[in-house]
């Protein structure tokens, strides 16, 4: 990875406001680092730049508890490049967060300080509840919060569940069942994977009813995360009958798992045009989704094109989380 100079001078900027501003958000996940920059002016928003940096922090943290020197160096170089992009786009307000992998990293806070000193980016390690609250901001932007729904956000390190009632954030749970973490258990065999799933859901057994589909009612299950979106797109590409392209049926997911599981990651990439860092986690991710749907009693989910980054931008534009670029 090419190292970039980090001693750039911050541009002179106007204060950000819902009427005018350029916003940059950074999501340091367990499977990748994502940067999104957009402009907001008089209620109109325009994407200026979006990039996904492939860096799987979770594979090291979830097995060794820390990052190697090489991975730390790569992450710092990525943030130096992000700093340059924020400056070149004259970003007026930015927000960088790190989720499950950095939460579990033994020296995560030390790495945060190193990023701040070398790249001039303030990275915040957030807990699962804050992560879910930010995602809920994205749901608000779609107007879905008015419905009775359960939100399922599958990341690389954790699975967040949120029960939304009367437009409010009612109940929350964070399970260590993200796609990268599930891959580690899946590699140890089916018993290890099932034990991981069972132990995590056992933790919330007393609150499980809050997230379940009540008998005779039609609550909506909203699924977020890159693997959910990818599986929904895959199902839509092969279905024989039309329905909403953002819906994923349980029966379709079962069929996809049966087709994908016997294939090697390379074969999955060729058959489905999957990125390298998606092809190996797609099966354990699908199995986590299936387990969640079964335990919550849903036979389908809705997968909107929103994610943590959209909630972060919405929060910045609405003045709910402001930090200097």
Protein backbone atom coordinates (compact mmCIF):
# COMPACT_ATOMS: atom_id res chain seq x y z
CA UNK A 1 0.00 0.00 0.00
CA UNK A 2 1.37 3.40 -0.92
CA UNK A 3 1.99 5.69 2.00
CA UNK A 4 0.72 9.25 1.61
CA UNK A 5 2.03 12.39 3.24
CA UNK A 6 -0.08 13.29 6.25
CA UNK A 7 1.10 16.84 6.91
CA UNK A 8 -1.54 18.54 4.80
CA UNK A 9 -2.98 21.83 6.02
CA UNK A 10 -6.67 21.78 6.89
CA UNK A 11 -8.69 24.02 4.58
CA UNK A 12 -10.56 27.12 5.67
CA UNK A 13 -14.22 26.14 5.87
CA UNK A 14 -17.62 27.57 6.69
CA UNK A 15 -19.54 26.13 9.65
CA UNK A 16 -21.65 23.14 8.66
CA UNK A 17 -25.42 23.44 8.89
CA UNK A 18 -28.49 21.67 7.48
CA UNK A 19 -28.58 24.48 4.89
CA UNK A 20 -25.03 24.13 3.68
CA UNK A 21 -22.10 21.77 4.30
CA UNK A 22 -19.81 19.03 3.09
CA UNK A 23 -19.79 15.94 5.24
CA UNK A 24 -17.35 13.07 5.49
CA UNK A 25 -18.03 9.87 7.42
CA UNK A 26 -15.68 6.96 8.03
CA UNK A 27 -16.78 3.52 9.23
CA UNK A 28 -14.00 1.22 10.46
CA UNK A 29 -15.67 -2.18 10.38
CA UNK A 30 -14.40 -5.70 10.95
CA UNK A 31 -14.16 -6.48 7.23
CA UNK A 32 -13.36 -3.11 5.62
CA UNK A 33 -12.94 0.64 6.11
CA UNK A 34 -15.51 2.81 4.33
CA UNK A 35 -15.35 6.49 3.44
CA UNK A 36 -18.35 8.49 2.23
CA UNK A 37 -18.37 12.21 1.38
CA UNK A 38 -21.44 14.19 0.35
CA UNK A 39 -22.62 17.77 0.08
CA UNK A 40 -25.83 19.16 1.52
CA UNK A 41 -27.30 22.45 0.36
CA UNK A 42 -30.82 23.72 1.07
CA UNK A 43 -32.14 20.21 1.63
CA UNK A 44 -30.49 18.72 -1.47
CA UNK A 45 -27.73 16.13 -0.96
CA UNK A 46 -25.15 14.93 -3.47
CA UNK A 47 -22.58 12.15 -3.15
CA UNK A 48 -19.09 13.48 -3.87
CA UNK A 49 -16.92 10.47 -3.12
CA UNK A 50 -17.32 6.95 -1.78
CA UNK A 51 -14.65 4.34 -1.26
CA UNK A 52 -14.24 0.96 0.40
CA UNK A 53 -10.76 0.01 1.63
CA UNK A 54 -10.27 -3.73 1.99
CA UNK A 55 -8.76 -4.37 5.40
CA UNK A 56 -10.07 -7.23 7.53
CA UNK A 57 -9.35 -6.28 11.13
CA UNK A 58 -11.68 -8.92 12.52
CA UNK A 59 -9.73 -11.98 11.37
CA UNK A 60 -6.83 -10.97 13.65
CA UNK A 61 -8.72 -9.42 16.56
CA UNK A 62 -11.28 -12.21 16.89
CA UNK A 63 -8.56 -14.86 17.07
CA UNK A 64 -5.53 -13.14 18.65
CA UNK A 65 -7.17 -10.18 20.41
CA UNK A 66 -4.93 -7.64 18.70
CA UNK A 67 -3.68 -6.41 15.33
CA UNK A 68 -0.37 -7.27 13.74
CA UNK A 69 2.20 -4.53 13.10
CA UNK A 70 1.53 -4.76 9.36
CA UNK A 71 -2.24 -4.36 9.76
CA UNK A 72 -1.77 -1.40 12.13
CA UNK A 73 0.53 0.22 9.58
CA UNK A 74 -1.98 -0.40 6.77
CA UNK A 75 -4.81 1.11 8.80
CA UNK A 76 -2.77 4.24 9.53
CA UNK A 77 -1.88 4.59 5.83
CA UNK A 78 -5.59 4.31 4.95
CA UNK A 79 -6.41 7.10 7.40
CA UNK A 80 -3.67 9.28 5.95
CA UNK A 81 -5.27 8.82 2.55
CA UNK A 82 -8.70 9.56 4.03
CA UNK A 83 -7.34 12.78 5.57
CA UNK A 84 -6.11 13.86 2.14
CA UNK A 85 -9.50 13.10 0.58
CA UNK A 86 -11.37 15.02 3.29
CA UNK A 87 -9.13 18.01 2.66
CA UNK A 88 -9.34 17.83 -1.13
CA UNK A 89 -13.16 17.82 -0.96
CA UNK A 90 -13.17 20.75 1.51
CA UNK A 91 -15.19 18.77 4.06
CA UNK A 92 -16.75 21.02 6.68
CA UNK A 93 -17.62 18.34 9.21
CA UNK A 94 -16.52 14.73 9.62
CA UNK A 95 -17.15 11.77 11.87
CA UNK A 96 -15.10 8.57 12.09
CA UNK A 97 -16.29 5.57 14.08
CA UNK A 98 -14.94 2.09 14.72
CA UNK A 99 -17.16 -0.84 15.64
CA UNK A 100 -16.79 -4.45 16.77
CA UNK A 101 -13.18 -5.29 15.84
CA UNK A 102 -11.76 -2.13 17.43
CA UNK A 103 -14.00 -2.63 20.47
CA UNK A 104 -12.38 -6.01 21.02
CA UNK A 105 -8.82 -4.95 20.15
CA UNK A 106 -6.66 -4.90 23.30
CA UNK A 107 -4.74 -1.77 22.29
CA UNK A 108 -7.53 -0.17 20.27
CA UNK A 109 -7.43 3.13 22.16
CA UNK A 110 -3.68 3.40 21.64
CA UNK A 111 -4.22 2.94 17.89
CA UNK A 112 -6.91 5.65 17.97
CA UNK A 113 -4.38 8.07 19.47
CA UNK A 114 -1.79 7.14 16.84
CA UNK A 115 -4.29 7.81 14.04
CA UNK A 116 -5.15 11.19 15.57
CA UNK A 117 -1.51 12.22 15.87
CA UNK A 118 -0.30 10.98 12.47
CA UNK A 119 -3.37 11.56 10.29
CA UNK A 120 -5.35 14.26 12.11
CA UNK A 121 -8.53 12.22 12.17
CA UNK A 122 -10.47 11.75 15.41
CA UNK A 123 -11.62 8.13 15.48
CA UNK A 124 -14.30 7.16 18.00
CA UNK A 125 -14.80 3.56 19.14
CA UNK A 126 -18.55 3.16 19.64
CA UNK A 127 -20.46 0.44 21.47
CA UNK A 128 -23.16 -1.71 19.93
CA UNK A 129 -26.03 0.40 21.21
CA UNK A 130 -24.60 3.61 19.76
CA UNK A 131 -24.03 1.77 16.48
CA UNK A 132 -27.68 0.71 16.42
CA UNK A 133 -28.85 4.25 17.24
CA UNK A 134 -26.89 5.62 14.29
CA UNK A 135 -28.36 3.00 11.96
CA UNK A 136 -31.80 3.98 13.25
CA UNK A 137 -31.08 7.50 11.93
CA UNK A 138 -30.75 5.95 8.47
CA UNK A 139 -34.10 4.20 8.91
CA UNK A 140 -35.65 7.53 9.89
CA UNK A 141 -34.39 9.04 6.64
CA UNK A 142 -36.49 6.44 4.77
CA UNK A 143 -39.60 7.12 6.82
CA UNK A 144 -39.75 3.48 7.95
CA UNK A 145 -39.60 4.30 11.66
CA UNK A 146 -43.36 4.94 11.68
CA UNK A 147 -43.93 1.21 11.15
CA UNK A 148 -43.79 -1.58 13.70
CA UNK A 149 -40.49 -3.20 12.79
CA UNK A 150 -37.48 -5.16 13.94
CA UNK A 151 -34.11 -4.02 12.66
CA UNK A 152 -31.35 -6.59 12.06
CA UNK A 153 -27.93 -5.12 11.24
CA UNK A 154 -25.34 -7.78 10.37
CA UNK A 155 -21.79 -6.43 10.39
CA UNK A 156 -18.45 -8.16 10.32
CA UNK A 157 -18.12 -8.54 14.08
CA UNK A 158 -21.58 -8.17 15.58
CA UNK A 159 -25.29 -8.53 14.92
CA UNK A 160 -27.42 -5.68 16.25
CA UNK A 161 -31.14 -6.15 16.86
CA UNK A 162 -33.47 -3.22 17.45
CA UNK A 163 -37.19 -3.30 18.19
CA UNK A 164 -38.89 -0.14 16.86
CA UNK A 165 -42.40 0.65 18.07
CA UNK A 166 -44.42 3.82 17.50
CA UNK A 167 -41.47 5.38 15.71
CA UNK A 168 -39.17 4.90 18.69
CA UNK A 169 -36.08 2.88 19.54
CA UNK A 170 -37.61 0.48 22.10
CA UNK A 171 -35.33 -2.53 22.65
CA UNK A 172 -31.75 -3.33 21.72
CA UNK A 173 -29.40 -6.33 21.70
CA UNK A 174 -25.87 -6.82 20.36
CA UNK A 175 -24.72 -10.37 19.60
CA UNK A 176 -21.20 -11.49 18.68
CA UNK A 177 -22.42 -13.04 15.44
CA UNK A 178 -20.95 -10.83 12.72
CA UNK A 179 -19.94 -12.40 9.41
CA UNK A 180 -16.16 -12.40 10.02
CA UNK A 181 -16.58 -13.69 13.57
CA UNK A 182 -19.02 -16.34 12.30
CA UNK A 183 -16.47 -17.37 9.67
CA UNK A 184 -13.96 -18.14 12.43
CA UNK A 185 -16.48 -20.42 14.17
CA UNK A 186 -17.66 -21.90 10.86
CA UNK A 187 -14.07 -22.87 9.97
CA UNK A 188 -13.93 -24.97 13.17
CA UNK A 189 -16.91 -27.06 12.04
CA UNK A 190 -20.74 -27.03 12.23
CA UNK A 191 -20.82 -27.82 15.96
CA UNK A 192 -18.62 -24.82 16.76
CA UNK A 193 -20.82 -22.56 14.62
CA UNK A 194 -24.07 -23.80 16.18
CA UNK A 195 -22.62 -23.46 19.68
CA UNK A 196 -21.65 -19.86 18.94
CA UNK A 197 -25.12 -19.03 17.63
CA UNK A 198 -26.88 -20.84 20.48
CA UNK A 199 -24.80 -19.21 23.21
CA UNK A 200 -25.34 -15.73 21.80
CA UNK A 201 -29.11 -16.06 21.50
CA UNK A 202 -29.24 -17.63 24.96
CA UNK A 203 -27.91 -14.31 26.31
CA UNK A 204 -31.05 -12.49 25.19
CA UNK A 205 -33.57 -15.27 25.76
CA UNK A 206 -35.47 -13.16 28.28
CA UNK A 207 -35.89 -10.31 25.77
CA UNK A 208 -36.29 -12.36 22.60
CA UNK A 209 -40.04 -11.76 22.43
CA UNK A 210 -39.42 -8.02 21.94
CA UNK A 211 -37.84 -8.75 18.54
CA UNK A 212 -40.13 -11.57 17.42
CA UNK A 213 -43.01 -11.47 14.97
CA UNK A 214 -46.17 -11.65 17.12
CA UNK A 215 -48.72 -14.29 16.04
CA UNK A 216 -51.33 -12.82 13.71
CA UNK A 217 -49.44 -9.53 13.22
CA UNK A 218 -47.37 -8.25 10.30
CA UNK A 219 -44.30 -6.61 11.70
CA UNK A 220 -41.53 -5.78 9.24
CA UNK A 221 -38.02 -7.25 9.53
CA UNK A 222 -35.48 -4.81 8.08
CA UNK A 223 -32.10 -6.33 7.26
CA UNK A 224 -28.98 -4.16 6.92
CA UNK A 225 -25.34 -4.91 6.16
CA UNK A 226 -23.30 -5.74 3.07
CA UNK A 227 -23.98 -9.46 3.20
CA UNK A 228 -27.73 -8.93 3.56
CA UNK A 229 -27.76 -6.60 0.56
CA UNK A 230 -25.60 -8.96 -1.52
CA UNK A 231 -27.77 -12.02 -0.75
CA UNK A 232 -30.92 -10.04 -1.56
CA UNK A 233 -29.43 -9.02 -4.91
CA UNK A 234 -28.37 -12.61 -5.63
CA UNK A 235 -31.85 -13.94 -4.86
CA UNK A 236 -33.49 -11.30 -7.08
CA UNK A 237 -31.22 -12.25 -10.00
CA UNK A 238 -32.41 -15.87 -10.12
CA UNK A 239 -36.01 -15.83 -8.92
CA UNK A 240 -38.62 -17.13 -11.32
CA UNK A 241 -41.44 -14.86 -10.18
CA UNK A 242 -41.50 -11.10 -9.61
CA UNK A 243 -41.75 -9.36 -6.28
CA UNK A 244 -40.09 -6.36 -4.67
CA UNK A 245 -36.33 -6.43 -5.52
CA UNK A 246 -35.42 -5.45 -1.95
CA UNK A 247 -37.27 -8.41 -0.38
CA UNK A 248 -35.44 -11.59 0.58
CA UNK A 249 -37.53 -14.69 1.27
CA UNK A 250 -36.36 -17.32 3.73
CA UNK A 251 -36.92 -20.01 1.10
CA UNK A 252 -34.64 -18.13 -1.31
CA UNK A 253 -31.95 -17.88 1.34
CA UNK A 254 -32.12 -21.63 1.99
CA UNK A 255 -31.65 -22.29 -1.73
CA UNK A 256 -28.68 -19.93 -1.92
CA UNK A 257 -26.96 -21.62 1.01
CA UNK A 258 -27.42 -25.03 -0.62
CA UNK A 259 -25.81 -23.76 -3.80
CA UNK A 260 -23.01 -21.72 -2.20
CA UNK A 261 -21.86 -23.99 0.61
CA UNK A 262 -20.26 -26.75 -1.51
CA UNK A 263 -18.32 -24.20 -3.58
CA UNK A 264 -14.87 -22.89 -2.78
CA UNK A 265 -14.53 -19.11 -2.36
CA UNK A 266 -12.86 -18.86 -5.79
CA UNK A 267 -15.81 -20.68 -7.39
CA UNK A 268 -18.27 -18.41 -5.61
CA UNK A 269 -16.43 -15.37 -6.97
CA UNK A 270 -16.63 -16.74 -10.50
CA UNK A 271 -20.27 -17.84 -10.29
CA UNK A 272 -21.65 -14.75 -8.54
CA UNK A 273 -19.02 -12.07 -9.24
CA UNK A 274 -18.34 -11.67 -5.51
CA UNK A 275 -15.45 -9.63 -4.14
CA UNK A 276 -12.69 -11.71 -2.58
CA UNK A 277 -13.49 -10.54 0.94
CA UNK A 278 -17.18 -11.31 0.46
CA UNK A 279 -16.88 -14.79 -1.07
CA UNK A 280 -15.51 -16.45 2.07
CA UNK A 281 -17.95 -14.91 4.57
CA UNK A 282 -21.15 -15.14 2.49
CA UNK A 283 -22.13 -18.65 3.68
CA UNK A 284 -21.66 -18.15 7.44
CA UNK A 285 -23.37 -14.76 7.06
CA UNK A 286 -26.34 -16.40 5.31
CA UNK A 287 -26.54 -19.01 8.06
CA UNK A 288 -26.58 -16.29 10.74
CA UNK A 289 -29.40 -14.54 8.88
CA UNK A 290 -31.36 -17.80 8.63
CA UNK A 291 -30.92 -18.53 12.33
CA UNK A 292 -32.04 -15.00 13.18
CA UNK A 293 -35.12 -15.16 10.95
CA UNK A 294 -36.11 -18.52 12.43
CA UNK A 295 -35.65 -17.45 16.03
CA UNK A 296 -37.54 -14.20 15.40
CA UNK A 297 -40.27 -16.00 13.38
CA UNK A 298 -39.94 -14.11 10.10
CA UNK A 299 -40.19 -15.70 6.65
CA UNK A 300 -38.87 -12.66 4.75
CA UNK A 301 -36.97 -9.43 5.25
CA UNK A 302 -36.72 -6.03 3.58
CA UNK A 303 -33.21 -4.86 2.63
CA UNK A 304 -33.08 -1.09 1.93
CA UNK A 305 -29.94 0.47 0.47
CA UNK A 306 -28.90 2.19 3.68
CA UNK A 307 -26.15 1.49 6.18
CA UNK A 308 -24.24 2.95 9.11
CA UNK A 309 -22.66 5.62 6.88
CA UNK A 310 -26.09 6.95 5.85
CA UNK A 311 -27.12 7.24 9.50
CA UNK A 312 -23.88 9.06 10.27
CA UNK A 313 -24.45 11.60 7.49
CA UNK A 314 -28.06 12.10 8.58
CA UNK A 315 -26.89 12.74 12.14
CA UNK A 316 -24.30 15.27 10.99
CA UNK A 317 -26.74 17.11 8.71
CA UNK A 318 -29.30 17.25 11.54
CA UNK A 319 -26.69 18.51 14.00
CA UNK A 320 -26.94 15.46 16.27
CA UNK A 321 -23.22 14.69 16.18
CA UNK A 322 -20.77 17.38 15.18
CA UNK A 323 -16.99 17.08 15.15
CA UNK A 324 -14.26 19.08 13.44
CA UNK A 325 -12.84 17.76 10.16
